[in-house]
C-alpha cells in the first residue's frame, strides 16, 4: 500500500493543540525522550516513507519520493515555527510528571540549561524551545540538501571504506559529483551511489579525502581476509615518518615521541553538515598521489611520488615553458622554487611534547603540547636538506633538481646503475631517499592544489578549532 503523505501530514498537523503533554511518557524512556525531544510524528513518518522507498530498484522509481520528503520537511518546519511562536505568547501549556521533577532538573543542570532564577516550568519551556529550534535548523538543512543534492535520496550504499575513521565528523556528508561518503551501519563508512554513478567518481571522492587527510584508504573487497590484511597494514601507516627519519639518531634512539596526525576540519557548505568537492579536471592526479600514500617505505614512496611529478610536468610544465628539449631536471628545479612560495592547505599533527623513557614505563614531558602544520615542517626540512647537500663533497656539485632526478628516479626505479642503485641501508641511502621524498611530497601536494584551485582553503587553518575538540588532557591544565 502506497503511503498517502498528504493525508498523513494533515492528520499530524491537526493533532497539535495548545498543550505539550510530557506526562504520558514511560518513566523508563523519560530521560532519553527529554534529551532528544522532537515534535511527535515526523520521524515515524520519514521512517515509513524510507521503508517504502527502499523497495524501489532504480533512480527513476525513487525520484517521485523527493517531493514527498519535501512535503514532510515543509510541514515540520511550519509546525516548529508555529509552536515556537505560541510558546513565546504563553499560548501553549506544558504538562509534565510531578514525580519526575528532580530528574528533569538534573537533566537540565547536566546540560547547563537550568537557571535558579526561573521556575522549573520556565526552565522546561526554555529547554523545549531550544530543542525545537535545533529541530528547525536540522529541517532547514534537510530542505537545502534535498534541493541542492537530490541524489542523497536516490543513492544506496555500495562499498565499506577502511581503515576507520574516514573523516572528522560522523554527521557530515562528503560529496563529489553524484556520489557521497557518510557513516553507515554503526562505526563503518560507505560510499553511496546509484546505477549511473561511475567507478571513477567514487574512486576520486576517496582519493581527494586521502590527499586532504594524508593517509591511505581502500574500498572493501568481497574477500574478508584480504580486507583485514589491508586494514591492519594501513592502520600502521604514518606520513610523519618523513619527519622522524630526519633525526640523526632515529635508528639508535630508544625514545618514542608520540606525534599524532590529525584528520582535517573541512569547511562545510554554508554551515550545513555537508562538504562538497567541486568537479576536478585532473582526477588522475589524486589517484597517483593516493597510490604514493600506500607505500610505507622510502624507496617505493619515491617511485610513486615521482609519478605525480611526471603528471605535472606533462600537463603543466611542458605547456607552460614549451621547452625545445625537455629535461626533467629543469622541471624539478622550477617546482622546487614554486613550492617554497606556495601557501598549502594545512595538515596538522599533535606534538604532545612527551616521550616514553627507555624502560617504556614512564611518560616524560619535554615541552607543552601544540598543533604543528606538517606541510610547514616539510618546508623547514627542505631548507635544511639543501644546506646539508651543499656541504656534501659529492652532492654539492649538483643542483637540487639533478639530485632528486638521479636518486629519486634513476636510482630508485632502475637497477642498472650498479652501486648507484637505491638500497635499504637504513642509516645512509635510505635516509637520502627520504630527503628526496620531502621535496617530492611538497611538489606533489603543490601540483594537486595548482590543478585544483577549487580546493583552496577548504581545510580549517585556525588551530584553536582543533584544540577545542582535542579530548587529551595535554591541552588542559590537568
Protein backbone atom coordinates (compact mmCIF):
# COMPACT_ATOMS: atom_id res chain seq x y z
CA UNK A 1 0.00 0.00 0.00
CA UNK A 2 1.40 3.37 -1.06
CA UNK A 3 1.77 5.88 1.76
CA UNK A 4 -0.54 8.90 1.39
CA UNK A 5 1.83 11.57 2.69
CA UNK A 6 -0.60 14.46 2.23
CA UNK A 7 -3.24 12.68 4.32
CA UNK A 8 -0.72 11.69 6.99
CA UNK A 9 0.53 15.28 7.30
CA UNK A 10 -2.99 16.69 7.53
CA UNK A 11 -3.78 14.39 10.42
CA UNK A 12 -0.41 15.09 12.04
CA UNK A 13 -0.79 18.89 11.88
CA UNK A 14 -4.34 18.76 13.23
CA UNK A 15 -3.14 16.68 16.20
CA UNK A 16 -1.06 19.57 17.57
CA UNK A 17 -3.03 21.61 20.07
CA UNK A 18 -2.34 24.14 22.81
CA UNK A 19 -0.75 21.54 25.04
CA UNK A 20 2.62 19.81 25.23
CA UNK A 21 1.98 16.79 27.38
CA UNK A 22 5.04 15.03 28.79
CA UNK A 23 3.16 13.18 31.50
CA UNK A 24 2.18 10.15 29.47
CA UNK A 25 5.78 9.09 28.84
CA UNK A 26 7.04 5.74 30.04
CA UNK A 27 9.25 6.51 33.07
CA UNK A 28 11.98 4.21 31.73
CA UNK A 29 12.20 6.18 28.48
CA UNK A 30 11.57 9.55 30.06
CA UNK A 31 15.16 10.78 30.28
CA UNK A 32 16.01 9.66 26.76
CA UNK A 33 12.88 11.32 25.41
CA UNK A 34 13.69 14.52 27.24
CA UNK A 35 17.28 14.54 25.99
CA UNK A 36 16.17 14.03 22.38
CA UNK A 37 12.89 15.94 22.31
CA UNK A 38 11.36 16.41 18.86
CA UNK A 39 7.90 17.12 17.51
CA UNK A 40 5.95 13.90 17.62
CA UNK A 41 5.15 12.03 14.41
CA UNK A 42 7.61 13.32 11.82
CA UNK A 43 10.43 10.87 12.47
CA UNK A 44 7.96 7.98 12.30
CA UNK A 45 6.54 9.28 9.02
CA UNK A 46 10.01 9.67 7.48
CA UNK A 47 10.88 6.15 8.60
CA UNK A 48 7.75 4.70 6.95
CA UNK A 49 8.47 6.62 3.74
CA UNK A 50 12.05 5.38 3.78
CA UNK A 51 10.94 1.75 4.10
CA UNK A 52 8.66 2.23 1.11
CA UNK A 53 11.38 3.93 -0.96
CA UNK A 54 13.82 1.12 -0.15
CA UNK A 55 11.66 -1.23 -2.22
CA UNK A 56 12.45 0.80 -5.35
CA UNK A 57 15.26 -0.54 -7.52
CA UNK A 58 16.09 2.33 -9.90
CA UNK A 59 16.69 6.06 -9.68
CA UNK A 60 13.58 6.79 -11.75
CA UNK A 61 11.44 4.84 -9.29
CA UNK A 62 12.86 6.86 -6.38
CA UNK A 63 12.57 10.35 -7.89
CA UNK A 64 8.84 10.81 -7.05
CA UNK A 65 9.75 10.42 -3.38
CA UNK A 66 11.74 13.66 -3.45
CA UNK A 67 8.51 15.67 -3.47
CA UNK A 68 7.13 13.58 -0.62
CA UNK A 69 10.17 14.27 1.53
CA UNK A 70 9.84 17.96 0.71
CA UNK A 71 6.22 17.93 1.87
CA UNK A 72 7.23 16.38 5.21
CA UNK A 73 10.07 18.83 5.82
CA UNK A 74 7.96 21.86 4.94
CA UNK A 75 5.24 20.67 7.31
CA UNK A 76 7.76 20.04 10.10
CA UNK A 77 9.28 23.49 9.60
CA UNK A 78 5.85 25.12 9.66
CA UNK A 79 4.89 23.38 12.89
CA UNK A 80 8.21 24.19 14.57
CA UNK A 81 7.75 27.89 13.79
CA UNK A 82 4.12 27.82 14.95
CA UNK A 83 4.88 26.13 18.28
CA UNK A 84 7.83 28.41 18.99
CA UNK A 85 5.62 31.43 18.36
CA UNK A 86 2.91 30.10 20.63
CA UNK A 87 5.39 29.24 23.39
CA UNK A 88 6.59 32.85 23.30
CA UNK A 89 3.00 34.06 23.57
CA UNK A 90 2.32 31.68 26.50
CA UNK A 91 -0.38 30.14 24.29
CA UNK A 92 0.89 26.61 24.87
CA UNK A 93 0.70 24.87 28.22
CA UNK A 94 3.12 22.26 29.48
CA UNK A 95 2.22 19.17 31.47
CA UNK A 96 4.99 17.09 32.99
CA UNK A 97 5.03 14.39 35.67
CA UNK A 98 5.50 15.90 39.12
CA UNK A 99 7.22 12.70 40.24
CA UNK A 100 9.99 13.39 37.75
CA UNK A 101 10.68 17.00 38.68
CA UNK A 102 14.03 16.07 40.28
CA UNK A 103 15.05 14.08 37.21
CA UNK A 104 14.09 16.94 34.89
CA UNK A 105 16.11 19.38 36.95
CA UNK A 106 19.15 17.08 36.91
CA UNK A 107 18.92 16.64 33.13
CA UNK A 108 18.79 20.39 32.56
CA UNK A 109 21.61 21.04 35.03
CA UNK A 110 23.81 18.39 33.39
CA UNK A 111 23.39 20.22 30.08
CA UNK A 112 23.94 23.60 31.76
CA UNK A 113 20.45 24.70 30.77
CA UNK A 114 18.95 25.29 34.21
CA UNK A 115 18.61 28.70 35.85
CA UNK A 116 17.88 29.02 39.58
CA UNK A 117 16.33 32.41 38.87
CA UNK A 118 13.45 30.78 36.99
CA UNK A 119 10.79 28.28 37.91
CA UNK A 120 11.06 24.67 36.79
CA UNK A 121 8.17 25.31 34.42
CA UNK A 122 10.06 28.21 32.77
CA UNK A 123 13.24 26.13 32.59
CA UNK A 124 11.42 23.29 30.85
CA UNK A 125 9.75 25.69 28.44
CA UNK A 126 13.06 27.30 27.51
CA UNK A 127 14.63 23.88 27.07
CA UNK A 128 11.85 22.74 24.75
CA UNK A 129 12.23 25.94 22.74
CA UNK A 130 15.92 25.22 22.36
CA UNK A 131 15.24 21.67 21.17
CA UNK A 132 12.56 22.82 18.71
CA UNK A 133 14.93 25.47 17.33
CA UNK A 134 17.51 22.73 16.83
CA UNK A 135 14.91 20.63 15.03
CA UNK A 136 14.02 23.63 12.88
CA UNK A 137 17.67 24.13 11.98
CA UNK A 138 18.05 20.46 11.03
CA UNK A 139 14.87 20.61 8.94
CA UNK A 140 16.15 23.67 7.06
CA UNK A 141 19.35 21.77 6.35
CA UNK A 142 17.40 18.80 5.03
CA UNK A 143 15.41 21.08 2.75
CA UNK A 144 18.61 22.67 1.48
CA UNK A 145 20.24 19.30 0.79
CA UNK A 146 17.09 18.00 -0.87
CA UNK A 147 17.11 20.95 -3.27
CA UNK A 148 20.87 21.12 -3.85
CA UNK A 149 21.83 17.43 -3.72
CA UNK A 150 18.72 15.34 -4.51
CA UNK A 151 20.86 12.27 -5.25
CA UNK A 152 21.30 11.88 -1.48
CA UNK A 153 17.75 10.47 -1.53
CA UNK A 154 18.39 8.27 -4.55
CA UNK A 155 21.79 6.71 -3.83
CA UNK A 156 22.31 3.48 -1.93
CA UNK A 157 25.39 2.26 0.00
CA UNK A 158 27.92 0.49 -2.16
CA UNK A 159 31.24 -0.37 -0.52
CA UNK A 160 32.54 -0.04 3.02
CA UNK A 161 35.69 2.02 3.48
CA UNK A 162 38.72 1.21 5.60
CA UNK A 163 40.51 1.92 7.73
CA UNK A 164 38.46 3.96 10.19
CA UNK A 165 37.75 6.80 10.58
CA UNK A 166 37.44 8.34 7.12
CA UNK A 167 36.84 11.93 8.19
CA UNK A 168 36.32 14.03 11.28
CA UNK A 169 32.57 14.47 11.81
CA UNK A 170 30.33 11.42 11.58
CA UNK A 171 27.25 13.53 10.74
CA UNK A 172 28.91 15.10 7.72
CA UNK A 173 28.21 14.01 4.17
CA UNK A 174 31.15 14.37 1.77
CA UNK A 175 30.01 14.84 -1.84
CA UNK A 176 31.65 14.64 -5.24
CA UNK A 177 29.54 14.74 -8.41
CA UNK A 178 26.71 12.22 -7.81
CA UNK A 179 28.45 10.18 -5.11
CA UNK A 180 28.93 10.78 -1.42
CA UNK A 181 30.52 9.20 1.65
CA UNK A 182 28.90 9.12 5.06
CA UNK A 183 28.70 6.95 8.17
CA UNK A 184 26.76 3.74 7.64
CA UNK A 185 25.93 0.78 9.88
CA UNK A 186 27.47 1.78 13.19
CA UNK A 187 31.13 2.69 13.01
CA UNK A 188 31.56 1.95 9.31
CA UNK A 189 31.69 4.42 6.44
CA UNK A 190 30.39 3.70 2.95
CA UNK A 191 30.37 5.29 -0.46
CA UNK A 192 26.85 5.89 -1.78
CA UNK A 193 25.98 5.87 -5.47
CA UNK A 194 23.31 4.88 -7.97
CA UNK A 195 23.27 2.91 -11.20
CA UNK A 196 24.55 5.98 -13.08
CA UNK A 197 27.47 6.71 -10.74
CA UNK A 198 30.81 5.81 -12.33
CA UNK A 199 33.59 3.95 -10.54
CA UNK A 200 35.89 6.85 -11.43
CA UNK A 201 33.67 9.25 -9.47
CA UNK A 202 33.62 7.04 -6.38
CA UNK A 203 37.36 6.47 -6.54
CA UNK A 204 38.09 10.18 -7.00
CA UNK A 205 35.98 11.02 -3.96
CA UNK A 206 38.06 8.70 -1.80
CA UNK A 207 41.30 9.89 -3.41
CA UNK A 208 40.51 13.53 -2.58
CA UNK A 209 39.83 12.64 1.06
CA UNK A 210 43.13 10.72 1.15
CA UNK A 211 45.02 13.79 -0.09
CA UNK A 212 43.38 16.09 2.47
CA UNK A 213 43.94 13.62 5.32
CA UNK A 214 47.43 12.48 4.30
CA UNK A 215 46.52 8.83 4.83
CA UNK A 216 45.53 5.87 2.63
CA UNK A 217 42.04 4.37 2.34
CA UNK A 218 40.51 1.48 0.43
CA UNK A 219 37.12 0.09 -0.55
CA UNK A 220 36.33 -3.31 0.96
CA UNK A 221 36.51 -6.29 -1.36
CA UNK A 222 34.44 -9.46 -1.08
CA UNK A 223 37.48 -11.21 0.42
CA UNK A 224 37.32 -10.57 4.18
CA UNK A 225 40.80 -11.96 4.81
CA UNK A 226 42.30 -9.55 2.30
CA UNK A 227 40.32 -6.67 3.78
CA UNK A 228 41.73 -7.47 7.21
CA UNK A 229 45.29 -7.50 5.88
CA UNK A 230 44.82 -4.12 4.20
CA UNK A 231 43.11 -2.74 7.29
CA UNK A 232 45.97 -3.75 9.57
CA UNK A 233 48.57 -2.53 7.08
CA UNK A 234 47.04 0.90 6.52
CA UNK A 235 46.43 1.44 10.23
CA UNK A 236 50.20 1.32 10.71
CA UNK A 237 50.91 3.92 8.04
CA UNK A 238 52.10 7.31 9.21
CA UNK A 239 53.14 10.15 6.92
CA UNK A 240 55.01 11.63 9.88
CA UNK A 241 57.78 9.07 9.37
CA UNK A 242 59.17 11.53 6.83
CA UNK A 243 59.92 13.86 9.74
CA UNK A 244 61.02 11.12 12.12
CA UNK A 245 63.62 9.85 9.66
CA UNK A 246 65.20 13.30 9.61
CA UNK A 247 66.51 12.77 13.14
CA UNK A 248 70.20 11.91 13.04
CA UNK A 249 69.91 9.25 15.74
CA UNK A 250 66.48 7.95 14.75
CA UNK A 251 67.54 4.30 14.36
CA UNK A 252 69.59 4.35 17.57
CA UNK A 253 67.24 6.35 19.81
CA UNK A 254 65.22 4.40 22.43
CA UNK A 255 62.82 7.34 22.86
CA UNK A 256 59.37 7.25 21.35
CA UNK A 257 57.78 10.65 20.82
CA UNK A 258 54.04 10.31 20.11
CA UNK A 259 53.25 12.58 17.17
CA UNK A 260 49.65 12.12 16.05
CA UNK A 261 48.43 13.13 12.58
CA UNK A 262 45.01 14.75 12.84
CA UNK A 263 42.08 14.45 10.46
CA UNK A 264 41.42 17.87 8.92
CA UNK A 265 38.44 20.05 9.71
CA UNK A 266 36.82 20.50 6.30
CA UNK A 267 34.76 23.62 5.68
CA UNK A 268 31.07 22.89 5.28
CA UNK A 269 28.63 24.29 2.75
CA UNK A 270 27.00 27.36 4.29
CA UNK A 271 27.31 25.89 7.76
CA UNK A 272 25.41 22.72 6.87
CA UNK A 273 26.80 19.26 7.64
CA UNK A 274 27.83 18.92 4.02
CA UNK A 275 31.25 19.11 2.40
CA UNK A 276 31.13 19.47 -1.38
CA UNK A 277 34.16 18.83 -3.59
CA UNK A 278 33.62 20.57 -6.90
CA UNK A 279 34.45 18.75 -10.13
CA UNK A 280 38.11 18.20 -10.95
CA UNK A 281 39.61 18.14 -14.43
CA UNK A 282 42.57 16.14 -13.10
CA UNK A 283 41.13 13.15 -11.28
CA UNK A 284 44.12 11.00 -12.21
CA UNK A 285 46.39 13.28 -10.18
CA UNK A 286 44.54 12.37 -6.97
CA UNK A 287 44.79 8.69 -7.85
CA UNK A 288 48.54 8.89 -8.42
CA UNK A 289 49.07 10.69 -5.12
CA UNK A 290 46.83 8.28 -3.21
CA UNK A 291 48.93 5.41 -4.58
CA UNK A 292 52.03 7.07 -3.11
CA UNK A 293 50.35 7.18 0.32
CA UNK A 294 50.01 3.41 0.19
CA UNK A 295 53.79 2.96 0.00
CA UNK A 296 55.20 2.76 3.51
CA UNK A 297 58.96 2.82 2.96
CA UNK A 298 61.12 5.49 1.42
CA UNK A 299 62.17 3.61 -1.70
CA UNK A 300 58.72 2.69 -3.12
CA UNK A 301 57.28 6.02 -1.98
CA UNK A 302 59.96 7.75 -4.01
CA UNK A 303 58.95 5.88 -7.16
CA UNK A 304 55.25 6.64 -6.73
CA UNK A 305 55.75 10.29 -5.82
CA UNK A 306 57.82 10.72 -8.95
CA UNK A 307 54.78 9.63 -10.98
CA UNK A 308 52.88 12.63 -9.58
CA UNK A 309 55.72 14.93 -10.66
CA UNK A 310 55.72 13.42 -14.15
CA UNK A 311 51.98 14.06 -14.48
CA UNK A 312 52.56 17.69 -13.52
CA UNK A 313 55.48 18.09 -15.90
CA UNK A 314 53.42 16.66 -18.79
CA UNK A 315 50.27 18.68 -18.13
CA UNK A 316 51.68 21.90 -16.69
CA UNK A 317 55.41 22.47 -17.09
CA UNK A 318 55.68 21.50 -20.77
CA UNK A 319 52.63 23.53 -21.92
CA UNK A 320 53.82 26.47 -19.81
CA UNK A 321 57.51 26.53 -20.76
CA UNK A 322 57.34 24.87 -24.19
CA UNK A 323 60.95 23.64 -23.96
CA UNK A 324 62.63 22.64 -27.24
CA UNK A 325 64.39 19.80 -25.43
CA UNK A 326 62.56 18.81 -22.27
CA UNK A 327 64.79 17.97 -19.31
CA UNK A 328 63.04 16.71 -16.13
CA UNK A 329 65.84 18.28 -14.08
CA UNK A 330 64.75 21.73 -15.29
CA UNK A 331 61.14 20.94 -14.38
CA UNK A 332 62.18 19.77 -10.91
CA UNK A 333 64.18 22.95 -10.32
CA UNK A 334 61.18 25.00 -11.44
CA UNK A 335 58.82 23.27 -8.99
CA UNK A 336 61.37 23.38 -6.15
CA UNK A 337 61.29 27.16 -6.46
CA UNK A 338 57.47 27.25 -6.57
CA UNK A 339 56.84 25.03 -3.53
CA UNK A 340 58.69 27.37 -1.19
CA UNK A 341 56.33 30.22 -2.14
CA UNK A 342 53.08 28.25 -2.15
CA UNK A 343 50.51 28.56 0.66
CA UNK A 344 49.31 24.98 1.13
CA UNK A 345 46.19 23.58 2.69
CA UNK A 346 47.31 22.68 6.22
CA UNK A 347 47.72 19.14 7.51
CA UNK A 348 48.10 19.24 11.28
CA UNK A 349 49.64 16.84 13.71
CA UNK A 350 49.70 16.92 17.51
CA UNK A 351 53.06 17.22 19.21
CA UNK A 352 52.19 16.18 22.75
CA UNK A 353 55.65 17.23 23.94
CA UNK A 354 56.21 13.91 25.70
CA UNK A 355 58.13 10.69 25.16
CA UNK A 356 58.40 7.29 26.83
CA UNK A 357 61.51 6.57 28.88
CA UNK A 358 63.97 3.82 27.96
CA UNK A 359 62.09 1.23 30.03
CA UNK A 360 58.82 2.24 28.35
CA UNK A 361 57.31 2.72 31.80
CA UNK A 362 57.13 6.46 32.31
CA UNK A 363 55.92 9.40 30.24
CA UNK A 364 58.41 12.28 30.29
CA UNK A 365 57.30 15.78 29.32
CA UNK A 366 59.73 17.86 27.28
CA UNK A 367 57.52 20.77 26.22
CA UNK A 368 53.93 21.97 26.03
CA UNK A 369 51.55 20.21 23.66
CA UNK A 370 50.88 22.01 20.40
CA UNK A 371 49.46 21.63 16.91
CA UNK A 372 52.00 21.74 14.10
CA UNK A 373 51.41 22.09 10.36
CA UNK A 374 53.04 19.07 8.74
CA UNK A 375 53.49 20.82 5.38
CA UNK A 376 55.20 23.80 7.03
CA UNK A 377 57.59 21.42 8.77
CA UNK A 378 58.38 19.76 5.44
CA UNK A 379 59.32 23.18 4.06
CA UNK A 380 61.65 23.78 7.01
CA UNK A 381 63.27 20.39 6.49
CA UNK A 382 63.68 21.08 2.76
CA UNK A 383 65.71 24.19 3.60
CA UNK A 384 67.88 22.18 5.99
CA UNK A 385 68.36 19.42 3.40
CA UNK A 386 69.58 21.92 0.83
CA UNK A 387 72.21 23.18 3.31
CA UNK A 388 73.28 19.62 4.11
CA UNK A 389 73.65 18.73 0.44
CA UNK A 390 75.68 21.89 -0.13
CA UNK A 391 78.20 20.61 2.43
CA UNK A 392 78.40 17.10 0.99
CA UNK A 393 81.57 16.54 -1.04
CA UNK A 394 79.68 14.74 -3.82
CA UNK A 395 76.22 16.29 -3.77
CA UNK A 396 77.37 19.92 -3.57
CA UNK A 397 78.47 19.68 -7.21
CA UNK A 398 74.88 19.04 -8.34
CA UNK A 399 71.80 21.27 -8.23
CA UNK A 400 68.69 20.17 -6.37
CA UNK A 401 66.81 19.02 -9.46
CA UNK A 402 69.73 16.82 -10.51
CA UNK A 403 69.99 15.18 -7.08
CA UNK A 404 66.28 14.44 -6.98
CA UNK A 405 66.26 13.08 -10.52
CA UNK A 406 69.33 10.88 -10.15
CA UNK A 407 68.43 9.49 -6.73
CA UNK A 408 64.65 9.80 -6.84
CA UNK A 409 64.10 8.31 -10.24
CA UNK A 410 67.08 6.57 -11.77
CA UNK A 411 68.49 5.01 -8.60
CA UNK A 412 65.06 4.18 -7.15
CA UNK A 413 63.21 2.97 -10.25
CA UNK A 414 66.03 1.20 -12.12
CA UNK A 415 68.54 -1.49 -11.28
CA UNK A 416 71.21 -0.95 -13.91
CA UNK A 417 73.30 1.61 -12.05
CA UNK A 418 75.39 -0.88 -10.09
CA UNK A 419 76.48 0.65 -6.80
CA UNK A 420 74.39 3.68 -7.67
CA UNK A 421 71.15 1.75 -7.18
CA UNK A 422 68.98 2.79 -4.23
CA UNK A 423 69.48 0.36 -1.35
CA UNK A 424 67.93 -0.47 2.01
CA UNK A 425 70.87 0.67 4.14
CA UNK A 426 68.59 2.50 6.55
CA UNK A 427 71.05 4.94 8.09
CA UNK A 428 72.56 6.14 4.78
CA UNK A 429 71.00 5.65 1.34
CA UNK A 430 67.54 5.07 2.80
CA UNK A 431 67.61 8.42 4.61
CA UNK A 432 68.83 10.12 1.44
CA UNK A 433 65.73 8.83 -0.34
CA UNK A 434 63.60 10.20 2.48
CA UNK A 435 65.20 13.61 1.92
CA UNK A 436 64.33 13.35 -1.75
CA UNK A 437 60.77 12.36 -0.81
CA UNK A 438 60.33 15.52 1.25
CA UNK A 439 60.85 17.59 -1.88
CA UNK A 440 58.67 15.27 -3.96
CA UNK A 441 55.89 15.32 -1.35
CA UNK A 442 55.85 19.12 -1.45
CA UNK A 443 55.86 19.06 -5.24
CA UNK A 444 53.03 16.51 -5.32
CA UNK A 445 50.78 18.46 -2.97
CA UNK A 446 51.64 21.70 -4.81
CA UNK A 447 50.59 20.16 -8.15
CA UNK A 448 47.32 18.88 -6.72
CA UNK A 449 46.45 22.34 -5.42
CA UNK A 450 47.69 24.02 -8.62
CA UNK A 451 45.42 21.85 -10.78
CA UNK A 452 42.50 22.06 -8.31
CA UNK A 453 42.15 25.69 -7.16
CA UNK A 454 38.58 24.87 -6.06
CA UNK A 455 40.13 23.13 -3.03
CA UNK A 456 41.96 26.24 -1.87
CA UNK A 457 41.26 26.96 1.81
CA UNK A 458 38.85 24.02 2.12
CA UNK A 459 40.70 22.99 5.29
CA UNK A 460 40.26 25.00 8.50
CA UNK A 461 43.58 26.70 9.33
CA UNK A 462 42.84 28.03 12.83
CA UNK A 463 44.35 25.60 15.33
CA UNK A 464 42.01 26.83 18.07
CA UNK A 465 39.22 24.76 16.49
CA UNK A 466 41.38 21.62 16.68
CA UNK A 467 42.46 22.30 20.26
CA UNK A 468 38.83 22.82 21.31
CA UNK A 469 37.94 19.35 20.04
CA UNK A 470 41.02 17.54 21.30
CA UNK A 471 40.00 15.21 24.13
CA UNK A 472 43.51 14.88 25.54
CA UNK A 473 44.37 16.47 28.89
CA UNK A 474 47.59 17.68 27.24
CA UNK A 475 45.72 20.83 26.18
CA UNK A 476 44.16 21.47 29.58
CA UNK A 477 45.54 22.45 32.96
CA UNK A 478 45.14 18.91 34.27
